[in-house]
Amino acid sequence: MTIEQSTPTAMPGYAATTRLDDVRATDYRHLDQTGQVYLDYTGSGVAAQAQVRAHYDRLLAGLHSNPHSENPSSEASGATVDSARRAVLDFFRADPSEYAVVFTPNASGACRLVGEAYDFGPTTPFALTWDNHNSVNGIREYARAAHAPVRYVPLAGPELRVAESDLGGVLTAGQHGLPGRRGGRGLFAYPAQSNFSGVQHPLSWVELAHRHGYDVLLDAAAFAPTNRLDLSVVRPEFVCLSWYKLFGYPTGVGALLARRDALARLRRPWFSGGTIRAVSVQGDWHQPMDDESAFEDGTPNFLSIPDVEFGVHWLDSIGVDLAHTRVGLLTEWLLARLTTLRHRTGEPLAQVYGPVTGEGRGGTVTFNVRHPDGTLVDERLVSREARAAGFLLRTGCFCNPGAAEVAFGIDRDSLRGHLLARVDTIDKYLDALRLPTGGAVRVSFGLMSNASDAQHFLAFVESTYLDRAATGGAPLPPRLRC
């Protein structure tokens, strides 16, 4: 990085993103009113004032009632839900004849729908990369209950990427029948962007998996907020999303975007209100719905689903591509500065997990701070001191144990050790593995991030930890979760 690029605003291309600063000054004033710096966009987006006003105005404009009834207010609620489905398909450029939108509580709920209803079996495996979120890892329990093989694709190298040769090996393992046969061959799941390292895996893997006969579950929760996902070009069977990650509001609503042919092959292990056309207690039979509503248990969140339509239009009006450019520049700038900072001893100040440049990655930067002697600063201390300084970030393993295990050098032999059978807390687990830290620090940029956010955080890290030797200090709290 040149002297001229010592600030993010001096980077080529940054000036073209200043419209985002205008939007922040008008509809996101709450970001700058408390003196805090928000750096957890991978955890959640931030809601705009326009979104909240639109929700308020809509609720007071008329009656809204359960769309499963048959009256004018019910029909109006049903119409707004259907309108939101169309808006979601338009946003992702998905053909309505090919894709359906199933509204879920969140991305985890979308993953569960696929896992519980997919036709796993001894010849229908579940393949997934090591760096999946736990909401995807949990599908393996459904697969194992059906005696299906579970095959993980490992991460390779310090950038925590997947070698395509390793992926190919997993997809061809135990292959039966004709390659390229769609439906029933197996399910392959991977994140378009890792919520741990920020690595963006190739979307071309969707077609690669198809050539080996696999259906694909694409986790787009961390990818979609600042990257364009075009389902007219990339055509996975299933895509899981949480809307609050894209634009902060509403929470409690996610989506499963599913190809209609793949949705028709799912077989749910139960039924509920709203998912059936008819049911008999004495006759012991039921007739499920034949569209996406068969997967929406109970009454849909008809008061919040319309906010999804407003949200995708809002994000479109700002520009996903514009946000992508801004986030890429901020990420590249922060990585360049973090990786060049050195203690007087010559030891690096930060150890970054994942790519150390802006190439092939998103706006998630995960790292540990180091003492001058090279030992790691406990991430709980960084969390406490960052909070006191007004920085809103996240520490831990971020519900992504596979990426964390590789980043922290945990191998399979350690995990099979007899000591792990007796641990009942995360701290005892770390002691058993002789690990120096239980997690990392995660900073993530998003739609409304600006140069000041990045600069203030770098200044905090530099002024707080550069050349600061390890001290006893106050006791740190126990780790409640990974």
Protein backbone atom coordinates (compact mmCIF):
# COMPACT_ATOMS: atom_id res chain seq x y z
CA MET A 1 0.00 0.00 0.00
CA THR A 2 1.36 3.39 -0.96
CA ILE A 3 1.55 6.45 1.27
CA GLU A 4 -1.29 7.97 -0.74
CA GLN A 5 -3.48 5.00 0.25
CA SER A 6 -2.74 5.32 3.97
CA THR A 7 -6.45 6.03 4.45
CA PRO A 8 -9.30 4.08 2.83
CA THR A 9 -10.67 7.21 1.17
CA ALA A 10 -7.43 7.52 -0.83
CA MET A 11 -7.86 4.10 -2.42
CA PRO A 12 -8.77 4.04 -6.11
CA GLY A 13 -12.49 3.58 -6.47
CA TYR A 14 -13.47 4.72 -2.99
CA ALA A 15 -14.71 8.12 -4.18
CA ALA A 16 -17.25 6.35 -6.40
CA THR A 17 -18.93 4.89 -3.30
CA THR A 18 -19.64 8.14 -1.47
CA ARG A 19 -23.37 7.83 -2.12
CA LEU A 20 -23.34 5.31 0.72
CA ASP A 21 -22.15 8.06 3.05
CA ASP A 22 -25.12 10.20 2.03
CA VAL A 23 -27.52 7.34 2.81
CA ARG A 24 -25.82 6.77 6.18
CA ALA A 25 -26.18 10.45 7.06
CA THR A 26 -29.93 10.41 6.39
CA ASP A 27 -31.33 6.95 7.16
CA TYR A 28 -28.68 5.48 9.46
CA ARG A 29 -28.01 8.42 11.76
CA HIS A 30 -28.33 6.08 14.75
CA LEU A 31 -25.01 4.50 13.72
CA ASP A 32 -23.20 7.69 14.69
CA GLN A 33 -25.26 9.00 17.60
CA THR A 34 -23.87 6.83 20.40
CA GLY A 35 -20.13 7.16 19.77
CA GLN A 36 -19.90 3.44 19.06
CA VAL A 37 -18.46 1.76 15.97
CA TYR A 38 -20.48 -1.11 14.52
CA LEU A 39 -18.28 -3.89 13.14
CA ASP A 40 -20.52 -6.99 13.27
CA TYR A 41 -22.30 -7.01 9.91
CA THR A 42 -21.69 -10.74 9.51
CA GLY A 43 -23.72 -11.14 12.69
CA SER A 44 -26.48 -8.77 11.60
CA GLY A 45 -27.12 -5.90 9.28
CA VAL A 46 -28.36 -2.56 10.56
CA ALA A 47 -31.93 -1.42 9.94
CA ALA A 48 -32.61 1.87 8.18
CA GLN A 49 -35.02 4.39 9.62
CA ALA A 50 -37.00 4.10 6.38
CA GLN A 51 -37.59 0.41 7.06
CA VAL A 52 -38.95 1.06 10.55
CA ARG A 53 -41.20 3.89 9.31
CA ALA A 54 -42.56 1.72 6.52
CA HIS A 55 -43.45 -1.03 8.99
CA TYR A 56 -45.15 1.42 11.33
CA ASP A 57 -47.11 3.10 8.55
CA ARG A 58 -48.28 -0.21 7.11
CA LEU A 59 -49.52 -1.56 10.43
CA LEU A 60 -51.59 1.55 11.07
CA ALA A 61 -52.95 1.80 7.53
CA GLY A 62 -55.45 -1.03 7.85
CA LEU A 63 -56.38 -4.39 9.32
CA HIS A 64 -54.10 -7.40 8.99
CA SER A 65 -55.18 -10.92 9.91
CA ASN A 66 -54.30 -14.59 9.54
CA PRO A 67 -54.03 -15.38 5.82
CA HIS A 68 -55.44 -18.86 6.46
CA SER A 69 -58.88 -17.32 6.99
CA GLU A 70 -61.25 -16.14 4.27
CA ASN A 71 -62.17 -12.51 4.79
CA PRO A 72 -60.96 -9.22 3.29
CA SER A 73 -58.19 -8.56 5.87
CA SER A 74 -57.01 -12.18 5.57
CA GLU A 75 -56.93 -11.97 1.80
CA ALA A 76 -55.00 -8.70 2.04
CA SER A 77 -52.41 -10.36 4.29
CA GLY A 78 -52.10 -13.26 1.87
CA ALA A 79 -51.59 -10.85 -0.99
CA THR A 80 -48.73 -9.04 0.78
CA VAL A 81 -47.02 -12.37 1.52
CA ASP A 82 -47.34 -13.40 -2.14
CA SER A 83 -46.04 -9.99 -3.22
CA ALA A 84 -42.99 -10.49 -0.98
CA ARG A 85 -42.31 -13.86 -2.62
CA ARG A 86 -42.31 -12.22 -6.06
CA ALA A 87 -40.02 -9.43 -4.84
CA VAL A 88 -37.53 -11.97 -3.46
CA LEU A 89 -37.47 -13.90 -6.74
CA ASP A 90 -36.95 -10.66 -8.65
CA PHE A 91 -34.10 -9.63 -6.35
CA PHE A 92 -32.26 -12.90 -6.99
CA ARG A 93 -33.25 -12.93 -10.67
CA ALA A 94 -34.95 -16.27 -10.24
CA ASP A 95 -37.56 -17.56 -12.66
CA PRO A 96 -40.85 -18.02 -10.71
CA SER A 97 -41.60 -21.12 -12.75
CA GLU A 98 -38.31 -22.64 -11.60
CA TYR A 99 -37.86 -21.33 -8.03
CA ALA A 100 -40.14 -21.05 -5.01
CA VAL A 101 -39.70 -18.99 -1.84
CA VAL A 102 -40.40 -20.68 1.49
CA PHE A 103 -40.44 -18.23 4.39
CA THR A 104 -38.73 -19.61 7.50
CA PRO A 105 -37.76 -18.22 10.92
CA ASN A 106 -34.13 -17.81 9.75
CA ALA A 107 -31.41 -19.48 7.67
CA SER A 108 -31.13 -22.24 10.28
CA GLY A 109 -34.81 -23.04 9.83
CA ALA A 110 -34.27 -23.24 6.08
CA CYS A 111 -31.43 -25.73 6.57
CA ARG A 112 -33.58 -27.84 8.92
CA LEU A 113 -36.36 -28.03 6.34
CA VAL A 114 -33.96 -29.53 3.81
CA GLY A 115 -32.25 -31.82 6.29
CA GLU A 116 -35.40 -33.36 7.74
CA ALA A 117 -37.07 -33.94 4.37
CA TYR A 118 -34.18 -34.93 2.09
CA ASP A 119 -34.12 -38.54 0.92
CA PHE A 120 -30.84 -39.55 2.56
CA GLY A 121 -29.89 -43.21 2.53
CA PRO A 122 -26.95 -45.64 2.27
CA THR A 123 -26.40 -44.67 -1.38
CA THR A 124 -27.45 -41.03 -0.98
CA PRO A 125 -24.61 -39.26 0.87
CA PHE A 126 -24.28 -35.86 2.48
CA ALA A 127 -21.13 -33.99 1.45
CA LEU A 128 -20.09 -30.67 2.94
CA THR A 129 -17.05 -28.46 3.44
CA TRP A 130 -15.32 -28.11 6.80
CA ASP A 131 -16.15 -24.42 7.09
CA ASN A 132 -19.92 -24.66 7.23
CA HIS A 133 -21.99 -22.93 9.87
CA ASN A 134 -23.42 -25.24 12.52
CA SER A 135 -26.86 -24.84 10.97
CA VAL A 136 -25.50 -26.78 8.00
CA ASN A 137 -23.32 -29.14 10.07
CA GLY A 138 -26.44 -30.20 11.95
CA ILE A 139 -27.94 -31.72 8.80
CA ARG A 140 -25.45 -34.56 9.21
CA GLU A 141 -27.59 -35.89 12.09
CA TYR A 142 -30.51 -36.42 9.68
CA ALA A 143 -28.15 -38.07 7.20
CA ARG A 144 -26.66 -40.41 9.80
CA ALA A 145 -30.10 -41.34 11.11
CA ALA A 146 -30.86 -42.51 7.56
CA HIS A 147 -27.52 -44.43 7.42
CA ALA A 148 -26.21 -42.08 4.74
CA PRO A 149 -22.46 -41.52 4.36
CA VAL A 150 -21.31 -38.11 5.64
CA ARG A 151 -18.24 -36.83 3.81
CA TYR A 152 -16.41 -33.63 4.71
CA VAL A 153 -14.22 -31.70 2.29
CA PRO A 154 -11.16 -30.38 4.21
CA LEU A 155 -9.71 -26.90 4.21
CA ALA A 156 -6.20 -26.47 2.83
CA GLY A 157 -3.47 -23.95 3.60
CA PRO A 158 -3.34 -20.78 5.68
CA GLU A 159 -6.04 -19.10 3.58
CA LEU A 160 -8.55 -21.72 4.79
CA ARG A 161 -9.74 -22.50 1.28
CA VAL A 162 -10.89 -25.77 -0.23
CA ALA A 163 -8.74 -27.37 -2.92
CA GLU A 164 -10.97 -28.25 -5.86
CA SER A 165 -9.14 -31.57 -6.18
CA ASP A 166 -10.24 -32.45 -2.63
CA LEU A 167 -13.80 -31.48 -3.48
CA GLY A 168 -13.72 -33.61 -6.59
CA GLY A 169 -12.44 -36.55 -4.56
CA VAL A 170 -15.33 -36.30 -2.11
CA LEU A 171 -17.94 -35.90 -4.84
CA THR A 172 -16.70 -39.00 -6.66
CA ALA A 173 -16.24 -41.14 -3.54
CA GLY A 174 -18.39 -44.25 -3.70
CA GLN A 175 -20.06 -43.02 -6.87
CA HIS A 176 -22.70 -45.32 -8.28
CA GLY A 177 -24.71 -45.04 -11.45
CA LEU A 178 -24.16 -42.45 -14.12
CA PRO A 179 -22.39 -39.17 -13.33
CA GLY A 180 -24.64 -36.21 -13.89
CA ARG A 181 -27.85 -37.99 -12.88
CA ARG A 182 -29.84 -35.33 -11.00
CA GLY A 183 -32.01 -36.14 -8.02
CA GLY A 184 -31.36 -38.69 -5.31
CA ARG A 185 -27.61 -38.89 -5.80
CA GLY A 186 -26.82 -36.93 -2.68
CA LEU A 187 -26.67 -33.47 -1.17
CA PHE A 188 -23.65 -31.17 -1.22
CA ALA A 189 -23.68 -28.14 1.08
CA TYR A 190 -21.25 -25.25 1.27
CA PRO A 191 -21.16 -21.55 2.15
CA ALA A 192 -20.87 -19.04 -0.65
CA GLN A 193 -18.91 -17.04 1.93
CA SER A 194 -17.44 -18.38 5.16
CA ASN A 195 -18.71 -16.57 8.23
CA PHE A 196 -15.38 -17.37 9.92
CA SER A 197 -12.69 -16.45 7.40
CA GLY A 198 -14.56 -14.45 4.77
CA VAL A 199 -13.42 -16.91 2.08
CA GLN A 200 -15.72 -16.91 -0.92
CA HIS A 201 -15.96 -20.35 -2.45
CA PRO A 202 -16.56 -20.53 -6.20
CA LEU A 203 -20.20 -20.47 -7.24
CA SER A 204 -19.09 -22.68 -10.14
CA TRP A 205 -19.04 -25.55 -7.64
CA VAL A 206 -22.81 -25.71 -7.99
CA GLU A 207 -22.47 -26.94 -11.56
CA LEU A 208 -19.49 -29.13 -10.60
CA ALA A 209 -21.64 -30.89 -8.01
CA HIS A 210 -24.47 -31.22 -10.53
CA ARG A 211 -22.12 -32.99 -12.93
CA HIS A 212 -21.53 -35.56 -10.22
CA GLY A 213 -25.26 -35.96 -9.66
CA TYR A 214 -25.53 -34.00 -6.41
CA ASP A 215 -28.20 -31.58 -5.32
CA VAL A 216 -26.71 -28.40 -3.81
CA LEU A 217 -27.57 -26.48 -0.67
CA LEU A 218 -25.89 -23.06 -0.89
CA ASP A 219 -25.59 -21.12 2.35
CA ALA A 220 -25.82 -17.50 1.21
CA ALA A 221 -26.41 -15.91 4.62
CA ALA A 222 -22.99 -14.21 4.78
CA PHE A 223 -22.66 -13.73 1.01
CA ALA A 224 -25.91 -12.12 -0.09
CA PRO A 225 -25.73 -8.86 1.95
CA THR A 226 -22.96 -7.37 -0.23
CA ASN A 227 -22.66 -9.73 -3.21
CA ARG A 228 -24.97 -10.32 -6.12
CA LEU A 229 -26.41 -13.84 -6.30
CA ASP A 230 -28.02 -14.35 -9.71
CA LEU A 231 -30.13 -17.51 -9.77
CA SER A 232 -30.61 -17.25 -13.51
CA VAL A 233 -26.89 -18.05 -13.80
CA VAL A 234 -26.09 -20.08 -10.67
CA ARG A 235 -28.86 -22.61 -10.06
CA PRO A 236 -28.52 -24.54 -6.79
CA GLU A 237 -31.44 -26.64 -5.62
CA PHE A 238 -31.59 -24.86 -2.27
CA VAL A 239 -30.44 -21.47 -0.93
CA CYS A 240 -30.74 -20.48 2.74
CA LEU A 241 -30.97 -16.87 3.95
CA SER A 242 -31.71 -14.70 6.97
CA TRP A 243 -33.12 -11.31 6.01
CA TYR A 244 -31.75 -9.45 9.04
CA LYS A 245 -28.27 -10.26 7.75
CA LEU A 246 -29.05 -8.49 4.48
CA PHE A 247 -30.70 -5.35 5.82
CA GLY A 248 -31.10 -5.57 9.59
CA TYR A 249 -34.89 -5.89 9.77
CA PRO A 250 -37.03 -7.89 10.24
CA THR A 251 -35.60 -10.54 12.52
CA GLY A 252 -37.47 -13.82 12.83
CA VAL A 253 -37.88 -14.18 9.06
CA GLY A 254 -35.58 -16.10 6.75
CA ALA A 255 -36.07 -17.98 3.53
CA LEU A 256 -35.39 -21.18 1.69
CA LEU A 257 -35.17 -20.50 -2.04
CA ALA A 258 -35.77 -23.86 -3.66
CA ARG A 259 -36.01 -25.20 -7.17
CA ARG A 260 -39.52 -26.47 -7.58
CA ASP A 261 -38.41 -29.86 -8.91
CA ALA A 262 -36.17 -30.34 -5.85
CA LEU A 263 -38.86 -29.13 -3.45
CA ALA A 264 -41.25 -31.73 -4.89
CA ARG A 265 -38.76 -34.49 -3.99
CA LEU A 266 -38.62 -33.56 -0.31
CA ARG A 267 -40.73 -35.66 2.07
CA ARG A 268 -41.48 -34.00 5.40
CA PRO A 269 -41.59 -36.28 8.47
CA TRP A 270 -44.59 -34.45 9.92
CA PHE A 271 -47.32 -31.96 9.10
CA SER A 272 -48.85 -28.98 10.82
CA GLY A 273 -51.41 -26.26 10.41
CA GLY A 274 -51.05 -24.52 7.08
CA THR A 275 -49.11 -27.32 5.39
CA ILE A 276 -52.01 -29.60 4.43
CA ARG A 277 -55.16 -29.46 2.30
CA ALA A 278 -57.04 -31.98 4.41
CA VAL A 279 -56.50 -34.32 7.35
CA SER A 280 -58.49 -36.96 9.22
CA VAL A 281 -58.02 -38.19 12.75
CA GLN A 282 -60.22 -41.30 12.49
CA GLY A 283 -59.22 -41.99 8.92
CA ASP A 284 -55.52 -41.57 9.76
CA TRP A 285 -54.61 -39.77 6.55
CA HIS A 286 -53.60 -36.32 5.37
CA GLN A 287 -53.15 -34.56 2.06
CA PRO A 288 -50.21 -32.08 1.97
CA MET A 289 -50.24 -28.86 0.03
CA ASP A 290 -48.58 -29.16 -3.36
CA ASP A 291 -46.66 -25.87 -3.32
CA GLU A 292 -44.22 -23.98 -1.07
CA SER A 293 -46.85 -23.51 1.65
CA ALA A 294 -46.42 -27.21 2.48
CA PHE A 295 -43.14 -26.16 4.15
CA GLU A 296 -44.38 -23.13 6.06
CA ASP A 297 -45.50 -24.47 9.42
CA GLY A 298 -48.45 -22.76 11.04
CA THR A 299 -49.38 -19.15 10.45
CA PRO A 300 -46.73 -17.26 8.48
CA ASN A 301 -45.28 -14.12 10.00
CA PHE A 302 -47.70 -12.00 7.98
CA LEU A 303 -46.91 -8.79 9.87
CA SER A 304 -43.17 -8.96 9.09
CA ILE A 305 -42.91 -10.75 5.76
CA PRO A 306 -44.00 -7.57 3.91
CA ASP A 307 -40.94 -5.88 5.45
CA VAL A 308 -38.83 -8.30 3.41
CA GLU A 309 -40.27 -6.83 0.22
CA PHE A 310 -39.47 -3.32 1.41
CA GLY A 311 -35.99 -4.49 2.42
CA VAL A 312 -35.02 -6.01 -0.92
CA HIS A 313 -36.30 -2.93 -2.76
CA TRP A 314 -34.36 -0.74 -0.29
CA LEU A 315 -31.15 -2.71 -0.80
CA ASP A 316 -31.65 -2.64 -4.56
CA SER A 317 -32.14 1.13 -4.50
CA ILE A 318 -28.84 1.59 -2.65
CA GLY A 319 -27.01 -0.92 -4.81
CA VAL A 320 -25.61 -4.32 -3.89
CA ASP A 321 -22.72 -3.79 -6.31
CA LEU A 322 -21.92 -0.41 -4.74
CA ALA A 323 -21.86 -1.98 -1.27
CA HIS A 324 -19.69 -4.79 -2.62
CA THR A 325 -17.13 -2.27 -3.88
CA ARG A 326 -17.07 -0.29 -0.61
CA VAL A 327 -16.76 -3.39 1.58
CA GLY A 328 -13.99 -4.79 -0.61
CA LEU A 329 -11.95 -1.60 -0.32
CA LEU A 330 -12.34 -1.34 3.46
CA THR A 331 -11.43 -5.00 3.89
CA GLU A 332 -8.36 -4.73 1.68
CA TRP A 333 -7.21 -1.62 3.55
CA LEU A 334 -7.64 -3.12 7.01
CA LEU A 335 -5.90 -6.35 6.06
CA ALA A 336 -2.94 -4.48 4.57
CA ARG A 337 -2.50 -2.43 7.74
CA LEU A 338 -3.07 -5.26 10.22
CA THR A 339 -0.59 -7.58 8.54
CA THR A 340 2.19 -4.98 8.44
CA LEU A 341 2.04 -3.87 12.08
CA ARG A 342 5.01 -5.19 14.09
CA HIS A 343 6.07 -5.03 17.72
CA ARG A 344 9.56 -3.75 18.48
CA THR A 345 10.54 -7.40 18.85
CA GLY A 346 9.69 -7.96 15.20
CA GLU A 347 6.69 -10.15 16.06
CA PRO A 348 3.53 -9.39 14.09
CA LEU A 349 0.81 -7.65 16.06
CA ALA A 350 -1.98 -9.69 14.48
CA GLN A 351 -2.42 -13.22 13.19
CA VAL A 352 -5.06 -13.23 10.47
CA TYR A 353 -7.00 -16.41 9.72
CA GLY A 354 -7.87 -16.74 6.06
CA PRO A 355 -6.85 -14.64 3.05
CA VAL A 356 -4.66 -11.63 3.86
CA THR A 357 -5.56 -9.80 0.65
CA GLY A 358 -8.90 -8.74 -0.78
CA GLU A 359 -8.91 -11.40 -3.49
CA GLY A 360 -11.65 -14.05 -3.33
CA ARG A 361 -13.02 -12.99 0.03
CA GLY A 362 -15.74 -10.95 1.66
CA GLY A 363 -15.79 -8.31 4.38
CA THR A 364 -15.14 -10.63 7.34
CA VAL A 365 -11.69 -10.29 8.95
CA THR A 366 -10.88 -12.80 11.69
CA PHE A 367 -7.66 -12.61 13.68
CA ASN A 368 -5.94 -12.83 17.04
CA VAL A 369 -3.77 -10.15 18.59
CA ARG A 370 -0.25 -11.16 19.66
CA HIS A 371 1.95 -10.00 22.51
CA PRO A 372 5.53 -8.86 21.71
CA ASP A 373 6.76 -12.35 22.68
CA GLY A 374 4.46 -13.95 20.13
CA THR A 375 1.89 -15.36 22.54
CA LEU A 376 -1.77 -14.70 21.85
CA VAL A 377 -3.84 -12.11 23.67
CA ASP A 378 -6.91 -13.84 25.08
CA GLU A 379 -9.84 -12.96 22.83
CA ARG A 380 -12.00 -12.35 25.92
CA LEU A 381 -9.67 -9.54 26.94
CA VAL A 382 -9.88 -8.03 23.47
CA SER A 383 -13.68 -8.29 23.65
CA ARG A 384 -13.78 -6.54 27.01
CA GLU A 385 -11.41 -3.76 25.99
CA ALA A 386 -13.05 -3.25 22.60
CA ARG A 387 -16.44 -2.96 24.26
CA ALA A 388 -15.10 -0.39 26.70
CA ALA A 389 -13.69 1.60 23.77
CA GLY A 390 -17.04 1.57 21.95
CA PHE A 391 -16.42 -1.11 19.30
CA LEU A 392 -19.21 -3.57 18.53
CA LEU A 393 -17.61 -6.75 17.20
CA ARG A 394 -17.66 -10.48 17.91
CA THR A 395 -15.22 -12.95 19.42
CA GLY A 396 -15.26 -16.74 19.62
CA CYS A 397 -15.54 -19.41 16.91
CA PHE A 398 -18.73 -18.00 15.33
CA CYS A 399 -20.62 -21.31 15.18
CA ASN A 400 -18.10 -22.54 12.62
CA PRO A 401 -16.07 -25.28 14.35
CA GLY A 402 -14.48 -26.71 11.22
CA ALA A 403 -12.78 -23.47 10.20
CA ALA A 404 -11.83 -22.77 13.81
CA GLU A 405 -10.21 -26.18 14.26
CA VAL A 406 -8.02 -25.65 11.21
CA ALA A 407 -7.19 -22.05 12.16
CA PHE A 408 -6.15 -23.04 15.67
CA GLY A 409 -4.24 -26.16 14.60
CA ILE A 410 -6.57 -28.73 16.16
CA ASP A 411 -6.05 -32.09 14.50
CA ARG A 412 -8.14 -35.26 14.45
CA ASP A 413 -5.85 -37.09 16.87
CA SER A 414 -6.35 -34.38 19.49
CA LEU A 415 -10.12 -34.54 19.10
CA ARG A 416 -10.10 -38.30 19.62
CA GLY A 417 -8.14 -38.02 22.85
CA HIS A 418 -9.62 -39.73 25.90
CA LEU A 419 -9.58 -36.47 27.86
CA LEU A 420 -12.33 -34.99 25.69
CA ALA A 421 -14.80 -37.59 26.89
CA ARG A 422 -14.85 -35.95 30.32
CA VAL A 423 -15.04 -32.25 29.48
CA ASP A 424 -18.23 -30.33 30.20
CA THR A 425 -17.22 -26.70 29.55
CA ILE A 426 -15.49 -24.90 26.70
CA ASP A 427 -12.64 -23.88 29.02
CA LYS A 428 -11.96 -27.51 30.06
CA TYR A 429 -12.12 -28.46 26.40
CA LEU A 430 -9.41 -25.92 25.56
CA ASP A 431 -7.29 -27.06 28.48
CA ALA A 432 -7.56 -30.66 27.30
CA LEU A 433 -6.38 -29.64 23.84
CA ARG A 434 -3.65 -27.39 25.32
CA LEU A 435 -4.84 -24.48 23.21
CA PRO A 436 -3.64 -20.95 24.02
CA THR A 437 -6.95 -19.36 23.03
CA GLY A 438 -10.57 -20.31 22.73
CA GLY A 439 -11.45 -18.17 19.79
CA ALA A 440 -10.63 -15.21 17.63
CA VAL A 441 -11.67 -11.62 17.04
CA ARG A 442 -14.02 -11.00 14.12
CA VAL A 443 -14.49 -7.62 12.47
CA SER A 444 -16.96 -7.47 9.60
CA PHE A 445 -17.93 -4.67 7.25
CA GLY A 446 -21.30 -4.24 5.60
CA LEU A 447 -23.73 -2.02 3.76
CA MET A 448 -23.18 1.13 5.85
CA SER A 449 -19.52 0.73 6.83
CA ASN A 450 -17.27 3.69 6.11
CA ALA A 451 -13.62 4.70 6.21
CA SER A 452 -13.95 6.15 9.69
CA ASP A 453 -15.10 2.79 11.08
CA ALA A 454 -12.01 1.04 9.73
CA GLN A 455 -9.59 3.77 10.75
CA HIS A 456 -10.91 4.06 14.30
CA PHE A 457 -10.66 0.31 14.81
CA LEU A 458 -7.11 0.11 13.49
CA ALA A 459 -6.12 3.01 15.76
CA PHE A 460 -7.64 1.17 18.74
CA VAL A 461 -5.70 -2.03 18.00
CA GLU A 462 -2.45 -0.17 17.45
CA SER A 463 -2.69 2.08 20.52
CA THR A 464 -3.93 -0.68 22.84
CA TYR A 465 -1.78 -3.67 21.92
CA LEU A 466 1.34 -2.58 20.06
CA ASP A 467 4.37 -3.36 22.26
CA ARG A 468 2.10 -4.19 25.22
CA ALA A 469 3.52 -7.12 27.15
CA ALA A 470 1.31 -9.76 28.76
CA THR A 471 0.13 -8.93 32.28
CA GLY A 472 -2.02 -10.69 34.86
CA GLY A 473 -4.88 -8.22 34.81
CA ALA A 474 -8.42 -8.81 36.05
CA PRO A 475 -9.89 -12.32 35.83
CA LEU A 476 -11.63 -13.06 32.56
CA PRO A 477 -15.15 -14.50 32.41
CA PRO A 478 -15.72 -18.13 31.45
CA ARG A 479 -16.50 -18.86 27.84
CA LEU A 480 -20.18 -19.59 27.48
CA ARG A 481 -20.05 -20.99 23.94
CA CYS A 482 -17.76 -21.38 20.95
